Amino acid sequence: MKLAILTSLFATSAAFAPAANTNTYQRSTSLNVAVDTSDIKNGLTIELDGEPYKVLNFSIMKQARGAAKTTIKFKNLKRGTTIENTYRSGEKFETAQIDRKPSVYTYEDESGNCFFMDSESFEEVMVEFKAIEDQKKWIVEGMECDLVFFKGEVIEVLAPSPYVYEVVETEPNVKGNTSQGYTKPAVLDCGATVTVPGFVEQGASIKVDTNKGEYMERV
């Protein structure tokens, strides 16, 4: 089976983000480069049997005799399924062509399909729910996201990270509570829920790592 790992070189593009957020994406196209198992990293997108797979995690097992082996868990970005394969150390791969286009989220239809506007051409792009499912809870109207294309099809949508959200619902901080490590759930204006420190109150703006789904700091 033939593998291909994504590597990207970025070109410039115009920024489009809320005033409180400075994250911007850049239009890019990957290049074909020869690599091996030592280049594997979480989040890389590879091509396996003509389909795109994302590296979720990997482990290297050293052996007393013989070469080490690398076990990789992948997610098929077209089907949503996962697989796990083991490869010999130094096994050769090559990159696949992946295009990234910054696009602004506009709306969602009754079928769950989401629509974006290309930040450069201003053309409308429809994205099926399966391509946006993992990141949908972080995306709000007017947010610039990164649309990932494989052979002309959107296979993934990446929300900017970190991103600043408003806390719209959380329990009030108990006066006099000085317990270190005290946390509580908070609902954000995007609809997602994250765990925040006890001092964060309703109406506060917080920075969130959308890749991990974790609170970073109050802003």
N, C-alpha and C. Protein backbone atom coordinates (compact mmCIF):
# COMPACT_ATOMS: atom_id res chain seq x y z
N MET A 1 0.84 -1.20 0.00
CA MET A 1 0.00 0.00 0.00
C MET A 1 0.87 1.24 0.00
N LYS A 2 0.38 2.19 -0.69
CA LYS A 2 1.15 3.42 -0.85
C LYS A 2 0.62 4.51 0.05
N LEU A 3 1.50 5.13 0.81
CA LEU A 3 1.13 6.20 1.74
C LEU A 3 1.63 7.53 1.24
N ALA A 4 0.94 8.59 1.68
CA ALA A 4 1.44 9.93 1.36
C ALA A 4 1.16 10.84 2.53
N ILE A 5 2.17 11.60 2.98
CA ILE A 5 2.03 12.48 4.14
C ILE A 5 1.96 13.92 3.68
N LEU A 6 1.03 14.64 4.29
CA LEU A 6 0.83 16.05 3.95
C LEU A 6 1.91 16.94 4.51
N THR A 7 2.49 17.79 3.63
CA THR A 7 3.32 18.91 4.07
C THR A 7 2.87 20.12 3.29
N SER A 8 2.74 21.27 3.95
CA SER A 8 2.17 22.45 3.29
C SER A 8 3.11 23.63 3.31
N LEU A 9 3.14 24.38 2.21
CA LEU A 9 3.82 25.66 2.13
C LEU A 9 2.75 26.71 1.92
N PHE A 10 2.77 27.78 2.70
CA PHE A 10 1.68 28.74 2.70
C PHE A 10 1.95 29.96 1.83
N ALA A 11 0.87 30.43 1.19
CA ALA A 11 0.89 31.68 0.43
C ALA A 11 0.08 32.70 1.20
N THR A 12 0.20 33.96 0.85
CA THR A 12 -0.47 35.02 1.61
C THR A 12 -1.94 35.10 1.25
N SER A 13 -2.75 35.60 2.22
CA SER A 13 -4.18 35.84 1.98
C SER A 13 -4.65 36.93 2.92
N ALA A 14 -5.84 37.49 2.64
CA ALA A 14 -6.37 38.56 3.48
C ALA A 14 -6.97 37.99 4.75
N ALA A 15 -6.84 38.74 5.83
CA ALA A 15 -7.39 38.31 7.12
C ALA A 15 -8.87 38.62 7.17
N PHE A 16 -9.63 37.74 7.83
CA PHE A 16 -11.05 37.96 8.05
C PHE A 16 -11.40 37.30 9.36
N ALA A 17 -11.45 38.06 10.46
CA ALA A 17 -11.71 37.50 11.78
C ALA A 17 -12.31 38.55 12.67
N PRO A 18 -13.04 38.10 13.72
CA PRO A 18 -13.60 39.05 14.67
C PRO A 18 -12.51 39.89 15.30
N ALA A 19 -12.87 41.09 15.77
CA ALA A 19 -11.88 42.02 16.31
C ALA A 19 -11.10 41.42 17.46
N ALA A 20 -11.74 40.55 18.26
CA ALA A 20 -11.07 39.98 19.42
C ALA A 20 -10.15 38.84 19.05
N ASN A 21 -10.19 38.41 17.80
CA ASN A 21 -9.38 37.29 17.36
C ASN A 21 -8.47 37.72 16.22
N THR A 22 -7.23 37.28 16.27
CA THR A 22 -6.27 37.68 15.24
C THR A 22 -5.82 36.50 14.39
N ASN A 23 -6.43 35.32 14.60
CA ASN A 23 -6.06 34.15 13.81
C ASN A 23 -6.41 34.37 12.35
N THR A 24 -5.50 34.06 11.45
CA THR A 24 -5.79 34.11 10.02
C THR A 24 -5.25 32.86 9.36
N TYR A 25 -5.92 32.40 8.31
CA TYR A 25 -5.45 31.27 7.54
C TYR A 25 -4.88 31.77 6.23
N GLN A 26 -4.03 30.97 5.62
CA GLN A 26 -3.42 31.33 4.36
C GLN A 26 -3.67 30.23 3.33
N ARG A 27 -3.94 30.67 2.10
CA ARG A 27 -4.15 29.72 1.01
C ARG A 27 -2.86 28.95 0.77
N SER A 28 -2.96 27.64 0.60
CA SER A 28 -1.75 26.84 0.45
C SER A 28 -2.01 25.60 -0.38
N THR A 29 -0.95 25.07 -0.96
CA THR A 29 -0.98 23.81 -1.70
C THR A 29 0.22 22.99 -1.28
N SER A 30 0.00 21.71 -0.94
CA SER A 30 1.09 20.86 -0.50
C SER A 30 2.00 20.49 -1.67
N LEU A 31 3.22 20.09 -1.35
CA LEU A 31 4.18 19.66 -2.35
C LEU A 31 4.49 18.18 -2.17
N ASN A 32 4.86 17.49 -3.26
CA ASN A 32 5.23 16.09 -3.18
C ASN A 32 6.67 15.96 -2.70
N VAL A 33 6.84 15.35 -1.51
CA VAL A 33 8.16 15.20 -0.91
C VAL A 33 8.32 13.78 -0.40
N ALA A 34 9.49 13.17 -0.62
CA ALA A 34 9.76 11.82 -0.13
C ALA A 34 10.08 11.89 1.36
N VAL A 35 9.39 11.07 2.17
CA VAL A 35 9.59 11.03 3.62
C VAL A 35 9.58 9.58 4.09
N ASP A 36 9.81 9.38 5.41
CA ASP A 36 9.70 8.03 5.97
C ASP A 36 9.03 8.09 7.34
N THR A 37 9.06 6.98 8.07
CA THR A 37 8.34 6.90 9.35
C THR A 37 8.82 7.93 10.37
N SER A 38 10.04 8.40 10.25
CA SER A 38 10.56 9.39 11.20
C SER A 38 9.88 10.75 11.04
N ASP A 39 9.17 10.95 9.93
CA ASP A 39 8.48 12.22 9.68
C ASP A 39 7.03 12.23 10.18
N ILE A 40 6.57 11.09 10.70
CA ILE A 40 5.19 11.00 11.17
C ILE A 40 4.96 11.92 12.35
N LYS A 41 3.84 12.66 12.31
CA LYS A 41 3.44 13.55 13.40
C LYS A 41 1.91 13.52 13.51
N ASN A 42 1.41 13.69 14.71
CA ASN A 42 -0.04 13.77 14.90
C ASN A 42 -0.60 14.93 14.08
N GLY A 43 -1.72 14.67 13.41
CA GLY A 43 -2.37 15.72 12.64
C GLY A 43 -1.98 15.74 11.17
N LEU A 44 -0.94 15.01 10.79
CA LEU A 44 -0.56 14.96 9.38
C LEU A 44 -1.60 14.18 8.58
N THR A 45 -1.84 14.60 7.36
CA THR A 45 -2.79 13.93 6.48
C THR A 45 -2.02 13.15 5.43
N ILE A 46 -2.34 11.87 5.28
CA ILE A 46 -1.65 11.01 4.33
C ILE A 46 -2.64 10.40 3.35
N GLU A 47 -2.13 9.86 2.26
CA GLU A 47 -2.99 9.19 1.29
C GLU A 47 -2.73 7.70 1.32
N LEU A 48 -3.79 6.94 1.53
CA LEU A 48 -3.69 5.49 1.60
C LEU A 48 -4.71 4.87 0.66
N ASP A 49 -4.24 4.13 -0.32
CA ASP A 49 -5.12 3.52 -1.32
C ASP A 49 -6.05 4.55 -1.97
N GLY A 50 -5.49 5.73 -2.24
CA GLY A 50 -6.24 6.75 -2.96
C GLY A 50 -7.19 7.57 -2.11
N GLU A 51 -7.18 7.38 -0.78
CA GLU A 51 -8.06 8.14 0.09
C GLU A 51 -7.26 8.86 1.18
N PRO A 52 -7.79 9.99 1.70
CA PRO A 52 -7.05 10.78 2.68
C PRO A 52 -7.25 10.26 4.10
N TYR A 53 -6.14 10.11 4.82
CA TYR A 53 -6.17 9.68 6.21
C TYR A 53 -5.38 10.66 7.06
N LYS A 54 -5.89 10.93 8.25
CA LYS A 54 -5.22 11.83 9.18
C LYS A 54 -4.61 11.02 10.32
N VAL A 55 -3.36 11.33 10.68
CA VAL A 55 -2.69 10.64 11.78
C VAL A 55 -3.28 11.13 13.10
N LEU A 56 -3.94 10.23 13.83
CA LEU A 56 -4.51 10.58 15.13
C LEU A 56 -3.47 10.42 16.24
N ASN A 57 -2.73 9.33 16.21
CA ASN A 57 -1.63 9.11 17.15
C ASN A 57 -0.74 8.00 16.63
N PHE A 58 0.43 7.89 17.19
CA PHE A 58 1.36 6.85 16.76
C PHE A 58 2.27 6.47 17.92
N SER A 59 2.86 5.28 17.82
CA SER A 59 3.81 4.82 18.84
C SER A 59 4.93 4.06 18.16
N ILE A 60 6.11 4.14 18.75
CA ILE A 60 7.29 3.46 18.21
C ILE A 60 7.70 2.35 19.18
N MET A 61 7.79 1.13 18.68
CA MET A 61 8.16 0.00 19.51
C MET A 61 9.56 -0.49 19.12
N LYS A 62 10.49 -0.35 20.06
CA LYS A 62 11.85 -0.80 19.82
C LYS A 62 11.96 -2.28 20.15
N GLN A 63 12.75 -2.99 19.38
CA GLN A 63 12.91 -4.42 19.56
C GLN A 63 14.37 -4.77 19.86
N ALA A 64 14.54 -5.84 20.63
CA ALA A 64 15.90 -6.27 20.99
C ALA A 64 16.68 -6.63 19.73
N ARG A 65 16.01 -7.24 18.81
CA ARG A 65 16.63 -7.61 17.54
C ARG A 65 15.77 -7.07 16.39
N GLY A 66 16.44 -6.58 15.40
CA GLY A 66 15.72 -6.05 14.25
C GLY A 66 15.34 -4.59 14.41
N ALA A 67 14.77 -4.04 13.36
CA ALA A 67 14.42 -2.63 13.34
C ALA A 67 13.17 -2.35 14.18
N ALA A 68 13.07 -1.13 14.66
CA ALA A 68 11.88 -0.71 15.41
C ALA A 68 10.67 -0.67 14.48
N LYS A 69 9.49 -0.72 15.08
CA LYS A 69 8.26 -0.65 14.31
C LYS A 69 7.42 0.54 14.77
N THR A 70 6.73 1.17 13.82
CA THR A 70 5.87 2.31 14.13
C THR A 70 4.42 1.94 13.87
N THR A 71 3.60 2.04 14.91
CA THR A 71 2.17 1.76 14.78
C THR A 71 1.42 3.09 14.71
N ILE A 72 0.60 3.25 13.68
CA ILE A 72 -0.09 4.52 13.43
C ILE A 72 -1.59 4.30 13.39
N LYS A 73 -2.32 5.16 14.10
CA LYS A 73 -3.79 5.15 14.04
C LYS A 73 -4.23 6.29 13.14
N PHE A 74 -5.02 5.96 12.12
CA PHE A 74 -5.48 6.93 11.14
C PHE A 74 -7.00 7.12 11.20
N LYS A 75 -7.44 8.29 10.75
CA LYS A 75 -8.87 8.52 10.51
C LYS A 75 -9.06 8.81 9.03
N ASN A 76 -9.96 8.06 8.40
CA ASN A 76 -10.30 8.32 7.00
C ASN A 76 -11.17 9.57 6.95
N LEU A 77 -10.67 10.63 6.33
CA LEU A 77 -11.37 11.91 6.34
C LEU A 77 -12.56 11.95 5.39
N LYS A 78 -12.72 10.94 4.54
CA LYS A 78 -13.88 10.88 3.66
C LYS A 78 -15.00 10.04 4.29
N ARG A 79 -14.62 8.98 5.00
CA ARG A 79 -15.61 8.04 5.53
C ARG A 79 -15.85 8.19 7.03
N GLY A 80 -14.87 8.78 7.74
CA GLY A 80 -15.01 8.93 9.18
C GLY A 80 -14.58 7.71 9.97
N THR A 81 -14.11 6.66 9.29
CA THR A 81 -13.67 5.44 9.96
C THR A 81 -12.21 5.55 10.40
N THR A 82 -11.78 4.67 11.31
CA THR A 82 -10.39 4.66 11.77
C THR A 82 -9.76 3.29 11.52
N ILE A 83 -8.46 3.29 11.29
CA ILE A 83 -7.71 2.05 11.12
C ILE A 83 -6.38 2.19 11.85
N GLU A 84 -5.71 1.07 12.07
CA GLU A 84 -4.40 1.09 12.72
C GLU A 84 -3.47 0.16 11.95
N ASN A 85 -2.34 0.68 11.50
CA ASN A 85 -1.37 -0.09 10.74
C ASN A 85 0.00 -0.01 11.39
N THR A 86 0.81 -1.03 11.19
CA THR A 86 2.18 -1.06 11.72
C THR A 86 3.17 -1.10 10.56
N TYR A 87 4.24 -0.30 10.67
CA TYR A 87 5.23 -0.18 9.60
C TYR A 87 6.64 -0.35 10.16
N ARG A 88 7.52 -0.84 9.31
CA ARG A 88 8.93 -0.98 9.69
C ARG A 88 9.59 0.39 9.77
N SER A 89 10.53 0.54 10.67
CA SER A 89 11.25 1.81 10.80
C SER A 89 11.94 2.15 9.48
N GLY A 90 11.78 3.38 9.03
CA GLY A 90 12.42 3.82 7.80
C GLY A 90 11.61 3.55 6.55
N GLU A 91 10.42 2.98 6.70
CA GLU A 91 9.59 2.71 5.52
C GLU A 91 9.27 4.02 4.81
N LYS A 92 9.39 4.00 3.49
CA LYS A 92 9.27 5.22 2.70
C LYS A 92 7.83 5.55 2.33
N PHE A 93 7.53 6.85 2.36
CA PHE A 93 6.23 7.37 1.95
C PHE A 93 6.45 8.54 0.99
N GLU A 94 5.39 9.06 0.45
CA GLU A 94 5.46 10.30 -0.32
C GLU A 94 4.22 11.14 -0.05
N THR A 95 4.34 12.42 -0.20
CA THR A 95 3.25 13.33 0.14
C THR A 95 2.12 13.31 -0.90
N ALA A 96 0.94 13.72 -0.46
CA ALA A 96 -0.21 13.87 -1.35
C ALA A 96 -0.50 15.35 -1.53
N GLN A 97 -1.20 15.68 -2.56
CA GLN A 97 -1.53 17.08 -2.80
C GLN A 97 -2.80 17.47 -2.06
N ILE A 98 -2.65 18.38 -1.11
CA ILE A 98 -3.77 18.89 -0.32
C ILE A 98 -3.81 20.40 -0.49
N ASP A 99 -4.99 20.93 -0.76
CA ASP A 99 -5.16 22.38 -0.89
C ASP A 99 -5.93 22.91 0.32
N ARG A 100 -5.48 24.04 0.83
CA ARG A 100 -6.15 24.70 1.95
C ARG A 100 -6.63 26.08 1.51
N LYS A 101 -7.89 26.38 1.80
CA LYS A 101 -8.44 27.67 1.39
C LYS A 101 -9.17 28.33 2.56
N PRO A 102 -8.73 29.53 2.97
CA PRO A 102 -9.44 30.25 4.03
C PRO A 102 -10.82 30.67 3.54
N SER A 103 -11.84 30.36 4.32
CA SER A 103 -13.22 30.66 3.92
C SER A 103 -14.04 31.03 5.15
N VAL A 104 -15.00 31.92 4.96
CA VAL A 104 -15.81 32.44 6.06
C VAL A 104 -17.13 31.68 6.16
N TYR A 105 -17.44 31.22 7.37
CA TYR A 105 -18.69 30.49 7.59
C TYR A 105 -19.87 31.45 7.52
N THR A 106 -20.90 31.08 6.73
CA THR A 106 -22.06 31.95 6.55
C THR A 106 -23.35 31.38 7.15
N TYR A 107 -23.70 30.13 6.82
CA TYR A 107 -24.93 29.58 7.38
C TYR A 107 -24.99 28.06 7.21
N GLU A 108 -26.00 27.46 7.84
CA GLU A 108 -26.25 26.01 7.77
C GLU A 108 -27.67 25.79 7.27
N ASP A 109 -27.86 24.83 6.35
CA ASP A 109 -29.22 24.58 5.86
C ASP A 109 -29.91 23.50 6.70
N GLU A 110 -31.15 23.17 6.34
CA GLU A 110 -31.95 22.23 7.12
C GLU A 110 -31.37 20.82 7.11
N SER A 111 -30.55 20.51 6.12
CA SER A 111 -29.97 19.17 6.01
C SER A 111 -28.67 19.03 6.80
N GLY A 112 -28.22 20.13 7.39
CA GLY A 112 -26.97 20.08 8.15
C GLY A 112 -25.75 20.43 7.33
N ASN A 113 -25.95 20.71 6.04
CA ASN A 113 -24.83 21.16 5.21
C ASN A 113 -24.47 22.59 5.59
N CYS A 114 -23.18 22.89 5.58
CA CYS A 114 -22.72 24.23 5.96
C CYS A 114 -22.17 24.95 4.74
N PHE A 115 -22.34 26.27 4.73
CA PHE A 115 -21.92 27.06 3.58
C PHE A 115 -20.87 28.08 4.01
N PHE A 116 -19.84 28.19 3.18
CA PHE A 116 -18.73 29.10 3.44
C PHE A 116 -18.53 29.99 2.22
N MET A 117 -17.92 31.15 2.43
CA MET A 117 -17.55 32.04 1.34
C MET A 117 -16.03 32.08 1.25
N ASP A 118 -15.50 31.72 0.08
CA ASP A 118 -14.06 31.76 -0.14
C ASP A 118 -13.55 33.18 0.11
N SER A 119 -12.56 33.32 0.98
CA SER A 119 -12.08 34.65 1.38
C SER A 119 -11.40 35.40 0.25
N GLU A 120 -10.99 34.70 -0.81
CA GLU A 120 -10.30 35.35 -1.92
C GLU A 120 -11.20 35.54 -3.13
N SER A 121 -11.90 34.47 -3.53
CA SER A 121 -12.74 34.55 -4.73
C SER A 121 -14.17 34.97 -4.42
N PHE A 122 -14.57 34.88 -3.13
CA PHE A 122 -15.92 35.19 -2.66
C PHE A 122 -16.97 34.23 -3.20
N GLU A 123 -16.53 33.09 -3.73
CA GLU A 123 -17.46 32.07 -4.19
C GLU A 123 -18.00 31.29 -2.99
N GLU A 124 -19.24 30.80 -3.12
CA GLU A 124 -19.85 30.02 -2.05
C GLU A 124 -19.43 28.56 -2.17
N VAL A 125 -19.09 27.95 -1.03
CA VAL A 125 -18.67 26.56 -0.99
C VAL A 125 -19.57 25.80 -0.02
N MET A 126 -20.17 24.71 -0.48
CA MET A 126 -20.99 23.88 0.40
C MET A 126 -20.15 22.77 0.99
N VAL A 127 -20.28 22.56 2.29
CA VAL A 127 -19.51 21.52 2.98
C VAL A 127 -20.49 20.56 3.64
N GLU A 128 -20.38 19.27 3.33
CA GLU A 128 -21.24 18.27 3.94
C GLU A 128 -20.91 18.13 5.42
N PHE A 129 -21.91 17.73 6.21
CA PHE A 129 -21.76 17.65 7.66
C PHE A 129 -20.59 16.76 8.08
N LYS A 130 -20.36 15.65 7.36
CA LYS A 130 -19.30 14.72 7.76
C LYS A 130 -17.93 15.36 7.75
N ALA A 131 -17.74 16.40 6.92
CA ALA A 131 -16.44 17.06 6.84
C ALA A 131 -16.24 18.09 7.93
N ILE A 132 -17.32 18.50 8.57
CA ILE A 132 -17.24 19.57 9.57
C ILE A 132 -17.61 19.08 10.96
N GLU A 133 -18.05 17.82 11.05
CA GLU A 133 -18.59 17.27 12.29
C GLU A 133 -17.70 17.49 13.51
N ASP A 134 -16.40 17.21 13.39
CA ASP A 134 -15.49 17.31 14.54
C ASP A 134 -15.32 18.73 15.05
N GLN A 135 -15.48 19.73 14.17
CA GLN A 135 -15.21 21.11 14.55
C GLN A 135 -16.46 21.99 14.61
N LYS A 136 -17.62 21.43 14.26
CA LYS A 136 -18.84 22.23 14.13
C LYS A 136 -19.16 23.02 15.39
N LYS A 137 -18.95 22.45 16.57
CA LYS A 137 -19.35 23.12 17.81
C LYS A 137 -18.55 24.39 18.08
N TRP A 138 -17.39 24.55 17.41
CA TRP A 138 -16.55 25.72 17.64
C TRP A 138 -16.80 26.84 16.64
N ILE A 139 -17.56 26.55 15.58
CA ILE A 139 -17.68 27.49 14.47
C ILE A 139 -18.90 28.40 14.63
N VAL A 140 -18.68 29.69 14.47
CA VAL A 140 -19.75 30.68 14.58
C VAL A 140 -19.82 31.49 13.29
N GLU A 141 -20.96 32.11 13.06
CA GLU A 141 -21.16 32.91 11.85
C GLU A 141 -20.11 34.01 11.75
N GLY A 142 -19.51 34.15 10.56
CA GLY A 142 -18.50 35.16 10.33
C GLY A 142 -17.09 34.71 10.65
N MET A 143 -16.92 33.50 11.16
CA MET A 143 -15.59 32.99 11.50
C MET A 143 -14.86 32.51 10.25
N GLU A 144 -13.59 32.87 10.12
CA GLU A 144 -12.79 32.36 9.02
C GLU A 144 -12.17 31.04 9.43
N CYS A 145 -12.44 30.02 8.65
CA CYS A 145 -11.92 28.67 8.90
C CYS A 145 -11.01 28.26 7.75
N ASP A 146 -10.37 27.13 7.92
CA ASP A 146 -9.50 26.58 6.89
C ASP A 146 -10.20 25.38 6.26
N LEU A 147 -10.59 25.48 4.99
CA LEU A 147 -11.18 24.35 4.28
C LEU A 147 -10.07 23.53 3.65
N VAL A 148 -10.05 22.24 3.94
CA VAL A 148 -9.00 21.35 3.43
C VAL A 148 -9.58 20.53 2.28
N PHE A 149 -8.97 20.67 1.09
CA PHE A 149 -9.44 19.99 -0.11
C PHE A 149 -8.51 18.84 -0.50
N PHE A 150 -9.11 17.73 -0.91
CA PHE A 150 -8.37 16.59 -1.46
C PHE A 150 -9.03 16.21 -2.78
N LYS A 151 -8.30 16.36 -3.87
CA LYS A 151 -8.82 16.07 -5.20
C LYS A 151 -10.13 16.83 -5.46
N GLY A 152 -10.15 18.10 -5.05
CA GLY A 152 -11.28 18.97 -5.31
C GLY A 152 -12.44 18.85 -4.35
N GLU A 153 -12.35 17.96 -3.36
CA GLU A 153 -13.44 17.76 -2.41
C GLU A 153 -13.01 18.23 -1.02
N VAL A 154 -13.91 18.93 -0.32
CA VAL A 154 -13.62 19.35 1.05
C VAL A 154 -13.68 18.13 1.96
N ILE A 155 -12.56 17.82 2.62
CA ILE A 155 -12.52 16.65 3.49
C ILE A 155 -12.43 17.02 4.96
N GLU A 156 -12.13 18.29 5.24
CA GLU A 156 -12.00 18.69 6.64
C GLU A 156 -12.16 20.20 6.75
N VAL A 157 -12.73 20.63 7.87
CA VAL A 157 -12.85 22.05 8.18
C VAL A 157 -12.15 22.29 9.51
N LEU A 158 -11.23 23.25 9.54
CA LEU A 158 -10.47 23.54 10.75
C LEU A 158 -10.84 24.91 11.29
N ALA A 159 -11.34 24.95 12.50
CA ALA A 159 -11.63 26.22 13.16
C ALA A 159 -10.32 26.83 13.63
N PRO A 160 -10.23 28.17 13.69
CA PRO A 160 -9.00 28.80 14.17
C PRO A 160 -8.74 28.43 15.63
N SER A 161 -7.47 28.29 15.97
CA SER A 161 -7.10 27.98 17.35
C SER A 161 -5.81 28.68 17.71
N PRO A 162 -5.78 29.43 18.84
CA PRO A 162 -6.88 29.62 19.79
C PRO A 162 -7.92 30.60 19.26
N TYR A 163 -9.06 30.66 19.93
CA TYR A 163 -10.12 31.59 19.54
C TYR A 163 -10.80 32.11 20.80
N VAL A 164 -11.26 33.37 20.75
CA VAL A 164 -11.88 34.00 21.92
C VAL A 164 -13.41 33.89 21.83
N TYR A 165 -14.02 33.33 22.88
CA TYR A 165 -15.47 33.19 22.96
C TYR A 165 -15.98 33.89 24.22
N GLU A 166 -17.29 34.15 24.23
CA GLU A 166 -17.93 34.73 25.42
C GLU A 166 -18.63 33.63 26.22
N VAL A 167 -18.50 33.67 27.52
CA VAL A 167 -19.20 32.73 28.40
C VAL A 167 -20.63 33.23 28.56
N VAL A 168 -21.60 32.44 28.11
CA VAL A 168 -23.01 32.87 28.19
C VAL A 168 -23.74 32.22 29.36
N GLU A 169 -23.15 31.17 29.92
CA GLU A 169 -23.81 30.52 31.06
C GLU A 169 -22.78 29.76 31.90
N THR A 170 -22.76 30.02 33.19
CA THR A 170 -21.94 29.28 34.14
C THR A 170 -22.42 29.61 35.54
N GLU A 171 -22.19 28.73 36.47
CA GLU A 171 -22.62 28.99 37.85
C GLU A 171 -21.76 30.09 38.45
N PRO A 172 -22.34 30.93 39.31
CA PRO A 172 -21.56 32.02 39.92
C PRO A 172 -20.48 31.48 40.84
N ASN A 173 -19.41 32.23 40.95
CA ASN A 173 -18.34 31.84 41.85
C ASN A 173 -18.81 32.02 43.29
N VAL A 174 -18.54 31.02 44.11
CA VAL A 174 -18.95 31.08 45.51
C VAL A 174 -18.00 31.99 46.27
N LYS A 175 -18.56 33.04 46.89
CA LYS A 175 -17.74 34.01 47.61
C LYS A 175 -16.95 33.32 48.71
N GLY A 176 -15.67 33.60 48.75
CA GLY A 176 -14.82 33.01 49.77
C GLY A 176 -14.23 31.67 49.38
N ASN A 177 -14.63 31.16 48.22
CA ASN A 177 -14.07 29.88 47.78
C ASN A 177 -12.68 30.11 47.22
N THR A 178 -11.69 29.68 47.96
CA THR A 178 -10.30 29.88 47.55
C THR A 178 -9.62 28.56 47.21
N SER A 179 -10.42 27.51 47.04
CA SER A 179 -9.86 26.19 46.75
C SER A 179 -9.09 26.21 45.44
N GLN A 180 -7.85 25.83 45.51
CA GLN A 180 -7.06 25.77 44.28
C GLN A 180 -7.53 24.59 43.45
N GLY A 181 -7.61 24.80 42.16
CA GLY A 181 -8.04 23.73 41.27
C GLY A 181 -9.55 23.64 41.13
N TYR A 182 -10.30 24.55 41.74
CA TYR A 182 -11.77 24.54 41.62
C TYR A 182 -12.16 24.91 40.20
N THR A 183 -12.92 24.04 39.55
CA THR A 183 -13.36 24.29 38.17
C THR A 183 -14.86 24.07 38.06
N LYS A 184 -15.41 24.51 36.93
CA LYS A 184 -16.85 24.38 36.68
C LYS A 184 -17.09 24.40 35.18
N PRO A 185 -18.23 23.87 34.71
CA PRO A 185 -18.54 23.93 33.28
C PRO A 185 -19.04 25.32 32.89
N ALA A 186 -18.75 25.71 31.65
CA ALA A 186 -19.22 27.00 31.13
C ALA A 186 -19.69 26.81 29.69
N VAL A 187 -20.87 27.36 29.38
CA VAL A 187 -21.40 27.31 28.02
C VAL A 187 -20.95 28.56 27.28
N LEU A 188 -20.41 28.38 26.08
CA LEU A 188 -19.90 29.49 25.29
C LEU A 188 -20.92 29.96 24.26
N ASP A 189 -20.68 31.12 23.66
CA ASP A 189 -21.62 31.67 22.68
C ASP A 189 -21.69 30.83 21.41
N CYS A 190 -20.75 29.92 21.21
CA CYS A 190 -20.81 29.02 20.06
C CYS A 190 -21.65 27.78 20.36
N GLY A 191 -22.03 27.60 21.64
CA GLY A 191 -22.84 26.46 22.04
C GLY A 191 -22.06 25.35 22.71
N ALA A 192 -20.74 25.38 22.58
CA ALA A 192 -19.89 24.36 23.19
C ALA A 192 -19.74 24.60 24.68
N THR A 193 -19.41 23.55 25.42
CA THR A 193 -19.17 23.64 26.85
C THR A 193 -17.72 23.28 27.15
N VAL A 194 -17.06 24.10 27.96
CA VAL A 194 -15.69 23.82 28.38
C VAL A 194 -15.59 23.94 29.89
N THR A 195 -14.54 23.36 30.45
CA THR A 195 -14.28 23.48 31.87
C THR A 195 -13.41 24.69 32.13
N VAL A 196 -13.84 25.56 33.06
CA VAL A 196 -13.12 26.81 33.34
C VAL A 196 -12.81 26.91 34.83
N PRO A 197 -11.84 27.74 35.19
CA PRO A 197 -11.56 27.98 36.61
C PRO A 197 -12.75 28.65 37.29
N GLY A 198 -12.84 28.50 38.61
CA GLY A 198 -13.97 29.03 39.35
C GLY A 198 -14.16 30.52 39.26
N PHE A 199 -13.08 31.27 38.99
CA PHE A 199 -13.19 32.73 38.96
C PHE A 199 -13.80 33.27 37.67
N VAL A 200 -13.96 32.44 36.65
CA VAL A 200 -14.54 32.89 35.38
C VAL A 200 -16.05 33.05 35.55
N GLU A 201 -16.57 34.22 35.21
CA GLU A 201 -17.98 34.50 35.40
C GLU A 201 -18.72 34.65 34.07
N GLN A 202 -20.04 34.60 34.13
CA GLN A 202 -20.86 34.79 32.95
C GLN A 202 -20.59 36.16 32.34
N GLY A 203 -20.44 36.21 31.01
CA GLY A 203 -20.13 37.45 30.32
C GLY A 203 -18.66 37.65 30.06
N ALA A 204 -17.82 36.81 30.66
CA ALA A 204 -16.37 36.93 30.47
C ALA A 204 -15.98 36.43 29.09
N SER A 205 -14.89 36.96 28.57
CA SER A 205 -14.31 36.48 27.31
C SER A 205 -13.13 35.59 27.66
N ILE A 206 -13.08 34.41 27.05
CA ILE A 206 -12.00 33.48 27.34
C ILE A 206 -11.38 32.96 26.05
N LYS A 207 -10.13 32.62 26.12
CA LYS A 207 -9.42 32.06 24.98
C LYS A 207 -9.46 30.54 25.09
N VAL A 208 -9.83 29.88 23.98
CA VAL A 208 -10.01 28.43 23.97
C VAL A 208 -9.12 27.79 22.91
N ASP A 209 -8.49 26.68 23.26
CA ASP A 209 -7.77 25.86 22.29
C ASP A 209 -8.81 24.95 21.64
N THR A 210 -9.22 25.27 20.42
CA THR A 210 -10.29 24.50 19.77
C THR A 210 -9.82 23.13 19.31
N ASN A 211 -8.51 22.93 19.20
CA ASN A 211 -8.00 21.60 18.83
C ASN A 211 -8.18 20.61 19.98
N LYS A 212 -7.95 21.09 21.20
CA LYS A 212 -8.06 20.23 22.38
C LYS A 212 -9.38 20.40 23.11
N GLY A 213 -10.11 21.48 22.78
CA GLY A 213 -11.35 21.76 23.48
C GLY A 213 -11.13 22.20 24.91
N GLU A 214 -10.05 22.97 25.13
CA GLU A 214 -9.67 23.34 26.48
C GLU A 214 -9.57 24.85 26.68
N TYR A 215 -9.95 25.30 27.89
CA TYR A 215 -9.77 26.69 28.32
C TYR A 215 -8.28 27.01 28.40
N MET A 216 -7.92 28.22 27.94
CA MET A 216 -6.53 28.64 28.01
C MET A 216 -6.34 29.78 29.01
N GLU A 217 -7.13 30.86 28.84
CA GLU A 217 -7.00 32.00 29.73
C GLU A 217 -8.19 32.94 29.57
N ARG A 218 -8.38 33.81 30.56
CA ARG A 218 -9.40 34.85 30.47
C ARG A 218 -8.78 36.07 29.80
N VAL A 219 -9.55 36.74 28.94
CA VAL A 219 -9.00 37.90 28.21
C VAL A 219 -9.86 39.13 28.45
